[in-house]
Structure formats: structure tokens, C-alpha cells
Amino acid sequence: MKKDEIRHIAEISKLYFTDEELEGMVKEFSDTMDLVDTIKQANVHCSPTFHTNVLPNRLRDDEIRPSLDREDATGNAVAVKYGYFEIIKFVE
């Protein structure tokens, strides 16, 4: 890759580099792109997988069940205000 191409990609990415940093990136970026091209040429014979784990989903079914009433839920609370848990305000 050329220095101008790398500078363009950096500008799109909102990254700013000095000329010395760009010079160092030219070789590194070119080496990386050559490696990607080599990987693309690899002859791989396998079907793509979505899930590698064949176990079934072990989550329970959602069921509507009665919940605690307000008095039971707040029964052991340190402080209750207007029927709800009272907490310390820590955000202005």
C-alpha cells in the first residue's frame, strides 16, 4: 500500500499520524494485506458452521407466575417510602 492510501484510511477512521509513523505503517500494512491474500488462497474443504455446540438449549420455558406482593417484598427492607424501597440518593 502507498502512504497516501494509508493516510486516507486513517483520515476516514479519524486517526492522525506523523509522517514517520506513516512510513512505518506502509511496510506493516502491506505485509498484513499480503498475509490476508495468502489466507484467501488457502484450500479449505469444510462447511461453514453457525454453532459449534450441538447441545440443545437448556433454558426453561417462560411461565407467568404470581410474584411477591409489595408487603412481602419490602418486609425486610431497612427503609420503605411510599410502599417502595428507600435508597440513598447518590446522583444529583
PDB file of N, CA and C in Angstrom:
ATOM      1  N   MET A   1       0.836  -1.183   0.000  1.00  0.00           N
ATOM      2  CA  MET A   1       0.000   0.000   0.000  1.00  0.00           C
ATOM      3  C   MET A   1       0.880   1.245   0.000  1.00  0.00           C
ATOM      4  N   LYS A   2       0.321   2.274  -0.552  1.00  0.00           N
ATOM      5  CA  LYS A   2       1.045   3.543  -0.620  1.00  0.00           C
ATOM      6  C   LYS A   2       0.726   4.401   0.601  1.00  0.00           C
ATOM      7  N   LYS A   3       1.610   5.316   0.861  1.00  0.00           N
ATOM      8  CA  LYS A   3       1.479   6.193   2.021  1.00  0.00           C
ATOM      9  C   LYS A   3       0.183   7.011   1.945  1.00  0.00           C
ATOM     10  N   ASP A   4      -0.170   7.477   0.744  1.00  0.00           N
ATOM     11  CA  ASP A   4      -1.395   8.269   0.578  1.00  0.00           C
ATOM     12  C   ASP A   4      -2.644   7.441   0.869  1.00  0.00           C
ATOM     13  N   GLU A   5      -2.627   6.164   0.497  1.00  0.00           N
ATOM     14  CA  GLU A   5      -3.772   5.294   0.765  1.00  0.00           C
ATOM     15  C   GLU A   5      -3.941   5.074   2.267  1.00  0.00           C
ATOM     16  N   ILE A   6      -2.837   4.867   2.952  1.00  0.00           N
ATOM     17  CA  ILE A   6      -2.897   4.661   4.397  1.00  0.00           C
ATOM     18  C   ILE A   6      -3.347   5.952   5.091  1.00  0.00           C
ATOM     19  N   ARG A   7      -2.864   7.098   4.625  1.00  0.00           N
ATOM     20  CA  ARG A   7      -3.282   8.382   5.189  1.00  0.00           C
ATOM     21  C   ARG A   7      -4.791   8.572   4.988  1.00  0.00           C
ATOM     22  N   HIS A   8      -5.309   8.195   3.810  1.00  0.00           N
ATOM     23  CA  HIS A   8      -6.744   8.313   3.529  1.00  0.00           C
ATOM     24  C   HIS A   8      -7.561   7.434   4.480  1.00  0.00           C
ATOM     25  N   ILE A   9      -7.126   6.187   4.666  1.00  0.00           N
ATOM     26  CA  ILE A   9      -7.818   5.272   5.588  1.00  0.00           C
ATOM     27  C   ILE A   9      -7.778   5.836   7.004  1.00  0.00           C
ATOM     28  N   ALA A  10      -6.652   6.392   7.396  1.00  0.00           N
ATOM     29  CA  ALA A  10      -6.520   6.974   8.733  1.00  0.00           C
ATOM     30  C   ALA A  10      -7.462   8.166   8.906  1.00  0.00           C
ATOM     31  N   GLU A  11      -7.585   8.991   7.900  1.00  0.00           N
ATOM     32  CA  GLU A  11      -8.480  10.144   7.989  1.00  0.00           C
ATOM     33  C   GLU A  11      -9.932   9.702   8.112  1.00  0.00           C
ATOM     34  N   ILE A  12     -10.309   8.688   7.353  1.00  0.00           N
ATOM     35  CA  ILE A  12     -11.671   8.160   7.450  1.00  0.00           C
ATOM     36  C   ILE A  12     -11.934   7.627   8.849  1.00  0.00           C
ATOM     37  N   SER A  13     -10.911   7.009   9.444  1.00  0.00           N
ATOM     38  CA  SER A  13     -11.028   6.426  10.780  1.00  0.00           C
ATOM     39  C   SER A  13     -10.821   7.454  11.888  1.00  0.00           C
ATOM     40  N   LYS A  14     -10.620   8.695  11.511  1.00  0.00           N
ATOM     41  CA  LYS A  14     -10.372   9.775  12.474  1.00  0.00           C
ATOM     42  C   LYS A  14      -9.106   9.519  13.298  1.00  0.00           C
ATOM     43  N   LEU A  15      -8.082   8.965  12.637  1.00  0.00           N
ATOM     44  CA  LEU A  15      -6.784   8.732  13.257  1.00  0.00           C
ATOM     45  C   LEU A  15      -5.771   9.651  12.593  1.00  0.00           C
ATOM     46  N   TYR A  16      -4.868  10.177  13.382  1.00  0.00           N
ATOM     47  CA  TYR A  16      -3.875  11.101  12.839  1.00  0.00           C
ATOM     48  C   TYR A  16      -2.483  10.606  13.224  1.00  0.00           C
ATOM     49  N   PHE A  17      -1.597  10.521  12.217  1.00  0.00           N
ATOM     50  CA  PHE A  17      -0.258  10.009  12.410  1.00  0.00           C
ATOM     51  C   PHE A  17       0.754  10.995  11.845  1.00  0.00           C
ATOM     52  N   THR A  18       1.953  10.969  12.413  1.00  0.00           N
ATOM     53  CA  THR A  18       3.045  11.768  11.864  1.00  0.00           C
ATOM     54  C   THR A  18       3.567  11.075  10.616  1.00  0.00           C
ATOM     55  N   ASP A  19       4.398  11.787   9.845  1.00  0.00           N
ATOM     56  CA  ASP A  19       4.967  11.192   8.629  1.00  0.00           C
ATOM     57  C   ASP A  19       5.851   9.996   8.960  1.00  0.00           C
ATOM     58  N   GLU A  20       6.572  10.058  10.087  1.00  0.00           N
ATOM     59  CA  GLU A  20       7.416   8.921  10.472  1.00  0.00           C
ATOM     60  C   GLU A  20       6.564   7.693  10.793  1.00  0.00           C
ATOM     61  N   GLU A  21       5.453   7.919  11.488  1.00  0.00           N
ATOM     62  CA  GLU A  21       4.563   6.806  11.820  1.00  0.00           C
ATOM     63  C   GLU A  21       3.958   6.211  10.556  1.00  0.00           C
ATOM     64  N   LEU A  22       3.592   7.052   9.606  1.00  0.00           N
ATOM     65  CA  LEU A  22       3.033   6.552   8.350  1.00  0.00           C
ATOM     66  C   LEU A  22       4.062   5.740   7.576  1.00  0.00           C
ATOM     67  N   GLU A  23       5.310   6.185   7.575  1.00  0.00           N
ATOM     68  CA  GLU A  23       6.360   5.427   6.889  1.00  0.00           C
ATOM     69  C   GLU A  23       6.479   4.018   7.463  1.00  0.00           C
ATOM     70  N   GLY A  24       6.420   3.907   8.790  1.00  0.00           N
ATOM     71  CA  GLY A  24       6.498   2.589   9.411  1.00  0.00           C
ATOM     72  C   GLY A  24       5.286   1.732   9.100  1.00  0.00           C
ATOM     73  N   MET A  25       4.138   2.359   8.907  1.00  0.00           N
ATOM     74  CA  MET A  25       2.923   1.616   8.641  1.00  0.00           C
ATOM     75  C   MET A  25       2.845   1.091   7.216  1.00  0.00           C
ATOM     76  N   VAL A  26       3.548   1.725   6.298  1.00  0.00           N
ATOM     77  CA  VAL A  26       3.480   1.297   4.899  1.00  0.00           C
ATOM     78  C   VAL A  26       3.894  -0.163   4.777  1.00  0.00           C
ATOM     79  N   LYS A  27       5.028  -0.529   5.334  1.00  0.00           N
ATOM     80  CA  LYS A  27       5.503  -1.914   5.243  1.00  0.00           C
ATOM     81  C   LYS A  27       4.611  -2.847   6.062  1.00  0.00           C
ATOM     82  N   GLU A  28       4.253  -2.446   7.288  1.00  0.00           N
ATOM     83  CA  GLU A  28       3.424  -3.299   8.127  1.00  0.00           C
ATOM     84  C   GLU A  28       2.053  -3.548   7.499  1.00  0.00           C
ATOM     85  N   PHE A  29       1.455  -2.509   6.939  1.00  0.00           N
ATOM     86  CA  PHE A  29       0.136  -2.646   6.328  1.00  0.00           C
ATOM     87  C   PHE A  29       0.230  -3.520   5.084  1.00  0.00           C
ATOM     88  N   SER A  30       1.287  -3.340   4.286  1.00  0.00           N
ATOM     89  CA  SER A  30       1.474  -4.161   3.089  1.00  0.00           C
ATOM     90  C   SER A  30       1.684  -5.621   3.461  1.00  0.00           C
ATOM     91  N   ASP A  31       2.469  -5.870   4.512  1.00  0.00           N
ATOM     92  CA  ASP A  31       2.684  -7.253   4.974  1.00  0.00           C
ATOM     93  C   ASP A  31       1.377  -7.881   5.438  1.00  0.00           C
ATOM     94  N   THR A  32       0.558  -7.103   6.137  1.00  0.00           N
ATOM     95  CA  THR A  32      -0.728  -7.611   6.623  1.00  0.00           C
ATOM     96  C   THR A  32      -1.645  -7.944   5.453  1.00  0.00           C
ATOM     97  N   MET A  33      -1.712  -7.067   4.463  1.00  0.00           N
ATOM     98  CA  MET A  33      -2.569  -7.319   3.304  1.00  0.00           C
ATOM     99  C   MET A  33      -2.062  -8.513   2.500  1.00  0.00           C
ATOM    100  N   ASP A  34      -0.740  -8.705   2.413  1.00  0.00           N
ATOM    101  CA  ASP A  34      -0.196  -9.887   1.738  1.00  0.00           C
ATOM    102  C   ASP A  34      -0.595 -11.156   2.485  1.00  0.00           C
ATOM    103  N   LEU A  35      -0.590 -11.108   3.808  1.00  0.00           N
ATOM    104  CA  LEU A  35      -0.998 -12.259   4.610  1.00  0.00           C
ATOM    105  C   LEU A  35      -2.476 -12.577   4.387  1.00  0.00           C
ATOM    106  N   VAL A  36      -3.302 -11.551   4.301  1.00  0.00           N
ATOM    107  CA  VAL A  36      -4.731 -11.760   4.038  1.00  0.00           C
ATOM    108  C   VAL A  36      -4.917 -12.416   2.672  1.00  0.00           C
ATOM    109  N   ASP A  37      -4.175 -11.970   1.670  1.00  0.00           N
ATOM    110  CA  ASP A  37      -4.264 -12.585   0.347  1.00  0.00           C
ATOM    111  C   ASP A  37      -3.833 -14.048   0.378  1.00  0.00           C
ATOM    112  N   THR A  38      -2.808 -14.358   1.164  1.00  0.00           N
ATOM    113  CA  THR A  38      -2.355 -15.742   1.292  1.00  0.00           C
ATOM    114  C   THR A  38      -3.421 -16.597   1.952  1.00  0.00           C
ATOM    115  N   ILE A  39      -4.058 -16.080   2.978  1.00  0.00           N
ATOM    116  CA  ILE A  39      -5.112 -16.822   3.669  1.00  0.00           C
ATOM    117  C   ILE A  39      -6.299 -17.056   2.736  1.00  0.00           C
ATOM    118  N   LYS A  40      -6.629 -16.081   1.907  1.00  0.00           N
ATOM    119  CA  LYS A  40      -7.739 -16.229   0.961  1.00  0.00           C
ATOM    120  C   LYS A  40      -7.489 -17.366  -0.028  1.00  0.00           C
ATOM    121  N   GLN A  41      -6.228 -17.627  -0.344  1.00  0.00           N
ATOM    122  CA  GLN A  41      -5.890 -18.669  -1.310  1.00  0.00           C
ATOM    123  C   GLN A  41      -5.862 -20.060  -0.692  1.00  0.00           C
ATOM    124  N   ALA A  42      -5.999 -20.169   0.613  1.00  0.00           N
ATOM    125  CA  ALA A  42      -5.957 -21.467   1.274  1.00  0.00           C
ATOM    126  C   ALA A  42      -7.120 -22.325   0.790  1.00  0.00           C
ATOM    127  N   ASN A  43      -6.830 -23.576   0.508  1.00  0.00           N
ATOM    128  CA  ASN A  43      -7.828 -24.512   0.012  1.00  0.00           C
ATOM    129  C   ASN A  43      -8.446 -25.233   1.211  1.00  0.00           C
ATOM    130  N   VAL A  44      -9.602 -24.770   1.642  1.00  0.00           N
ATOM    131  CA  VAL A  44     -10.246 -25.313   2.827  1.00  0.00           C
ATOM    132  C   VAL A  44     -11.533 -26.001   2.396  1.00  0.00           C
ATOM    133  N   HIS A  45     -11.697 -27.266   2.823  1.00  0.00           N
ATOM    134  CA  HIS A  45     -12.888 -28.037   2.458  1.00  0.00           C
ATOM    135  C   HIS A  45     -13.686 -28.344   3.710  1.00  0.00           C
ATOM    136  N   CYS A  46     -14.521 -27.422   4.123  1.00  0.00           N
ATOM    137  CA  CYS A  46     -15.420 -27.675   5.243  1.00  0.00           C
ATOM    138  C   CYS A  46     -16.633 -26.772   5.092  1.00  0.00           C
ATOM    139  N   SER A  47     -17.724 -27.227   5.640  1.00  0.00           N
ATOM    140  CA  SER A  47     -18.922 -26.404   5.556  1.00  0.00           C
ATOM    141  C   SER A  47     -18.884 -25.378   6.689  1.00  0.00           C
ATOM    142  N   PRO A  48     -19.352 -24.181   6.415  1.00  0.00           N
ATOM    143  CA  PRO A  48     -19.362 -23.158   7.466  1.00  0.00           C
ATOM    144  C   PRO A  48     -20.284 -23.573   8.607  1.00  0.00           C
ATOM    145  N   THR A  49     -19.910 -23.193   9.804  1.00  0.00           N
ATOM    146  CA  THR A  49     -20.727 -23.536  10.963  1.00  0.00           C
ATOM    147  C   THR A  49     -21.268 -22.268  11.602  1.00  0.00           C
ATOM    148  N   PHE A  50     -22.462 -22.375  12.127  1.00  0.00           N
ATOM    149  CA  PHE A  50     -23.040 -21.256  12.859  1.00  0.00           C
ATOM    150  C   PHE A  50     -22.832 -21.482  14.339  1.00  0.00           C
ATOM    151  N   HIS A  51     -23.165 -22.682  14.815  1.00  0.00           N
ATOM    152  CA  HIS A  51     -22.947 -23.045  16.210  1.00  0.00           C
ATOM    153  C   HIS A  51     -22.032 -24.259  16.244  1.00  0.00           C
ATOM    154  N   THR A  52     -21.028 -24.197  17.061  1.00  0.00           N
ATOM    155  CA  THR A  52     -20.139 -25.342  17.184  1.00  0.00           C
ATOM    156  C   THR A  52     -20.610 -26.308  18.257  1.00  0.00           C
ATOM    157  N   ASN A  53     -21.540 -25.896  19.074  1.00  0.00           N
ATOM    158  CA  ASN A  53     -22.046 -26.728  20.153  1.00  0.00           C
ATOM    159  C   ASN A  53     -23.398 -27.294  19.726  1.00  0.00           C
ATOM    160  N   VAL A  54     -23.519 -28.625  19.728  1.00  0.00           N
ATOM    161  CA  VAL A  54     -24.759 -29.248  19.262  1.00  0.00           C
ATOM    162  C   VAL A  54     -25.734 -29.540  20.399  1.00  0.00           C
ATOM    163  N   LEU A  55     -25.414 -29.120  21.623  1.00  0.00           N
ATOM    164  CA  LEU A  55     -26.315 -29.368  22.738  1.00  0.00           C
ATOM    165  C   LEU A  55     -27.569 -28.513  22.597  1.00  0.00           C
ATOM    166  N   PRO A  56     -28.707 -29.046  23.024  1.00  0.00           N
ATOM    167  CA  PRO A  56     -29.934 -28.243  22.928  1.00  0.00           C
ATOM    168  C   PRO A  56     -29.931 -27.110  23.951  1.00  0.00           C
ATOM    169  N   ASN A  57     -30.769 -26.139  23.706  1.00  0.00           N
ATOM    170  CA  ASN A  57     -30.911 -25.022  24.629  1.00  0.00           C
ATOM    171  C   ASN A  57     -31.559 -25.534  25.912  1.00  0.00           C
ATOM    172  N   ARG A  58     -30.933 -25.318  27.038  1.00  0.00           N
ATOM    173  CA  ARG A  58     -31.423 -25.871  28.291  1.00  0.00           C
ATOM    174  C   ARG A  58     -32.133 -24.839  29.162  1.00  0.00           C
ATOM    175  N   LEU A  59     -32.625 -23.769  28.562  1.00  0.00           N
ATOM    176  CA  LEU A  59     -33.348 -22.772  29.320  1.00  0.00           C
ATOM    177  C   LEU A  59     -34.778 -23.233  29.545  1.00  0.00           C
ATOM    178  N   ARG A  60     -35.346 -22.851  30.651  1.00  0.00           N
ATOM    179  CA  ARG A  60     -36.723 -23.225  30.943  1.00  0.00           C
ATOM    180  C   ARG A  60     -37.682 -22.365  30.140  1.00  0.00           C
ATOM    181  N   ASP A  61     -38.882 -22.849  29.943  1.00  0.00           N
ATOM    182  CA  ASP A  61     -39.907 -22.071  29.263  1.00  0.00           C
ATOM    183  C   ASP A  61     -40.369 -20.939  30.170  1.00  0.00           C
ATOM    184  N   ASP A  62     -40.694 -19.811  29.572  1.00  0.00           N
ATOM    185  CA  ASP A  62     -41.224 -18.690  30.343  1.00  0.00           C
ATOM    186  C   ASP A  62     -42.658 -18.984  30.746  1.00  0.00           C
ATOM    187  N   GLU A  63     -42.934 -18.813  32.014  1.00  0.00           N
ATOM    188  CA  GLU A  63     -44.283 -19.030  32.527  1.00  0.00           C
ATOM    189  C   GLU A  63     -44.683 -17.817  33.355  1.00  0.00           C
ATOM    190  N   ILE A  64     -45.917 -17.411  33.201  1.00  0.00           N
ATOM    191  CA  ILE A  64     -46.426 -16.321  34.030  1.00  0.00           C
ATOM    192  C   ILE A  64     -46.782 -16.916  35.381  1.00  0.00           C
ATOM    193  N   ARG A  65     -46.142 -16.404  36.423  1.00  0.00           N
ATOM    194  CA  ARG A  65     -46.385 -16.884  37.781  1.00  0.00           C
ATOM    195  C   ARG A  65     -46.649 -15.694  38.679  1.00  0.00           C
ATOM    196  N   PRO A  66     -47.363 -15.900  39.744  1.00  0.00           N
ATOM    197  CA  PRO A  66     -47.591 -14.777  40.660  1.00  0.00           C
ATOM    198  C   PRO A  66     -46.278 -14.352  41.315  1.00  0.00           C
ATOM    199  N   SER A  67     -46.133 -13.054  41.519  1.00  0.00           N
ATOM    200  CA  SER A  67     -44.921 -12.541  42.167  1.00  0.00           C
ATOM    201  C   SER A  67     -45.251 -12.120  43.588  1.00  0.00           C
ATOM    202  N   LEU A  68     -44.256 -11.640  44.286  1.00  0.00           N
ATOM    203  CA  LEU A  68     -44.461 -11.197  45.658  1.00  0.00           C
ATOM    204  C   LEU A  68     -45.351  -9.966  45.687  1.00  0.00           C
ATOM    205  N   ASP A  69     -46.180  -9.869  46.701  1.00  0.00           N
ATOM    206  CA  ASP A  69     -46.915  -8.619  46.857  1.00  0.00           C
ATOM    207  C   ASP A  69     -45.973  -7.600  47.510  1.00  0.00           C
ATOM    208  N   ARG A  70     -46.355  -6.349  47.496  1.00  0.00           N
ATOM    209  CA  ARG A  70     -45.483  -5.274  47.936  1.00  0.00           C
ATOM    210  C   ARG A  70     -45.062  -5.434  49.384  1.00  0.00           C
ATOM    211  N   GLU A  71     -45.951  -5.857  50.260  1.00  0.00           N
ATOM    212  CA  GLU A  71     -45.626  -6.002  51.674  1.00  0.00           C
ATOM    213  C   GLU A  71     -44.581  -7.101  51.894  1.00  0.00           C
ATOM    214  N   ASP A  72     -44.708  -8.219  51.178  1.00  0.00           N
ATOM    215  CA  ASP A  72     -43.717  -9.295  51.320  1.00  0.00           C
ATOM    216  C   ASP A  72     -42.355  -8.867  50.772  1.00  0.00           C
ATOM    217  N   ALA A  73     -42.355  -8.138  49.664  1.00  0.00           N
ATOM    218  CA  ALA A  73     -41.096  -7.716  49.052  1.00  0.00           C
ATOM    219  C   ALA A  73     -40.348  -6.725  49.931  1.00  0.00           C
ATOM    220  N   THR A  74     -41.061  -5.815  50.560  1.00  0.00           N
ATOM    221  CA  THR A  74     -40.404  -4.779  51.363  1.00  0.00           C
ATOM    222  C   THR A  74     -40.391  -5.106  52.852  1.00  0.00           C
ATOM    223  N   GLY A  75     -40.814  -6.295  53.209  1.00  0.00           N
ATOM    224  CA  GLY A  75     -40.915  -6.668  54.616  1.00  0.00           C
ATOM    225  C   GLY A  75     -39.618  -6.595  55.382  1.00  0.00           C
ATOM    226  N   ASN A  76     -38.502  -6.950  54.787  1.00  0.00           N
ATOM    227  CA  ASN A  76     -37.210  -6.930  55.484  1.00  0.00           C
ATOM    228  C   ASN A  76     -36.351  -5.725  55.110  1.00  0.00           C
ATOM    229  N   ALA A  77     -36.919  -4.770  54.404  1.00  0.00           N
ATOM    230  CA  ALA A  77     -36.150  -3.599  53.980  1.00  0.00           C
ATOM    231  C   ALA A  77     -35.809  -2.727  55.177  1.00  0.00           C
ATOM    232  N   VAL A  78     -34.662  -2.078  55.126  1.00  0.00           N
ATOM    233  CA  VAL A  78     -34.238  -1.172  56.183  1.00  0.00           C
ATOM    234  C   VAL A  78     -35.137   0.052  56.204  1.00  0.00           C
ATOM    235  N   ALA A  79     -35.472   0.567  55.022  1.00  0.00           N
ATOM    236  CA  ALA A  79     -36.324   1.756  54.942  1.00  0.00           C
ATOM    237  C   ALA A  79     -37.283   1.609  53.772  1.00  0.00           C
ATOM    238  N   VAL A  80     -38.540   1.964  54.006  1.00  0.00           N
ATOM    239  CA  VAL A  80     -39.568   1.919  52.968  1.00  0.00           C
ATOM    240  C   VAL A  80     -40.222   3.296  52.894  1.00  0.00           C
ATOM    241  N   LYS A  81     -40.429   3.777  51.661  1.00  0.00           N
ATOM    242  CA  LYS A  81     -41.064   5.079  51.481  1.00  0.00           C
ATOM    243  C   LYS A  81     -42.102   4.943  50.377  1.00  0.00           C
ATOM    244  N   TYR A  82     -43.327   5.313  50.662  1.00  0.00           N
ATOM    245  CA  TYR A  82     -44.440   5.233  49.726  1.00  0.00           C
ATOM    246  C   TYR A  82     -44.645   3.802  49.206  1.00  0.00           C
ATOM    247  N   GLY A  83     -44.324   2.819  50.002  1.00  0.00           N
ATOM    248  CA  GLY A  83     -44.509   1.429  49.610  1.00  0.00           C
ATOM    249  C   GLY A  83     -43.373   0.847  48.783  1.00  0.00           C
ATOM    250  N   TYR A  84     -42.281   1.590  48.575  1.00  0.00           N
ATOM    251  CA  TYR A  84     -41.140   1.133  47.784  1.00  0.00           C
ATOM    252  C   TYR A  84     -39.885   1.158  48.648  1.00  0.00           C
ATOM    253  N   PHE A  85     -38.818   0.495  48.166  1.00  0.00           N
ATOM    254  CA  PHE A  85     -37.547   0.542  48.877  1.00  0.00           C
ATOM    255  C   PHE A  85     -37.034   1.966  48.861  1.00  0.00           C
ATOM    256  N   GLU A  86     -36.593   2.450  49.990  1.00  0.00           N
ATOM    257  CA  GLU A  86     -35.992   3.779  50.043  1.00  0.00           C
ATOM    258  C   GLU A  86     -34.491   3.619  49.992  1.00  0.00           C
ATOM    259  N   ILE A  87     -33.867   4.322  49.058  1.00  0.00           N
ATOM    260  CA  ILE A  87     -32.417   4.218  48.910  1.00  0.00           C
ATOM    261  C   ILE A  87     -31.798   5.600  49.039  1.00  0.00           C
ATOM    262  N   ILE A  88     -30.503   5.630  49.251  1.00  0.00           N
ATOM    263  CA  ILE A  88     -29.780   6.887  49.378  1.00  0.00           C
ATOM    264  C   ILE A  88     -29.582   7.475  47.985  1.00  0.00           C
ATOM    265  N   LYS A  89     -29.866   8.754  47.831  1.00  0.00           N
ATOM    266  CA  LYS A  89     -29.658   9.419  46.551  1.00  0.00           C
ATOM    267  C   LYS A  89     -28.174   9.694  46.382  1.00  0.00           C
ATOM    268  N   PHE A  90     -27.595   9.165  45.302  1.00  0.00           N
ATOM    269  CA  PHE A  90     -26.165   9.371  45.088  1.00  0.00           C
ATOM    270  C   PHE A  90     -25.882  10.065  43.772  1.00  0.00           C
ATOM    271  N   VAL A  91     -26.913  10.481  43.046  1.00  0.00           N
ATOM    272  CA  VAL A  91     -26.743  11.218  41.798  1.00  0.00           C
ATOM    273  C   VAL A  91     -27.497  12.519  41.917  1.00  0.00           C
ATOM    274  N   GLU A  92     -26.859  13.598  41.563  1.00  0.00           N
ATOM    275  CA  GLU A  92     -27.523  14.906  41.621  1.00  0.00           C
ATOM    276  C   GLU A  92     -28.359  15.104  40.389  1.00  0.00           C
TER     277      GLU A  92
END
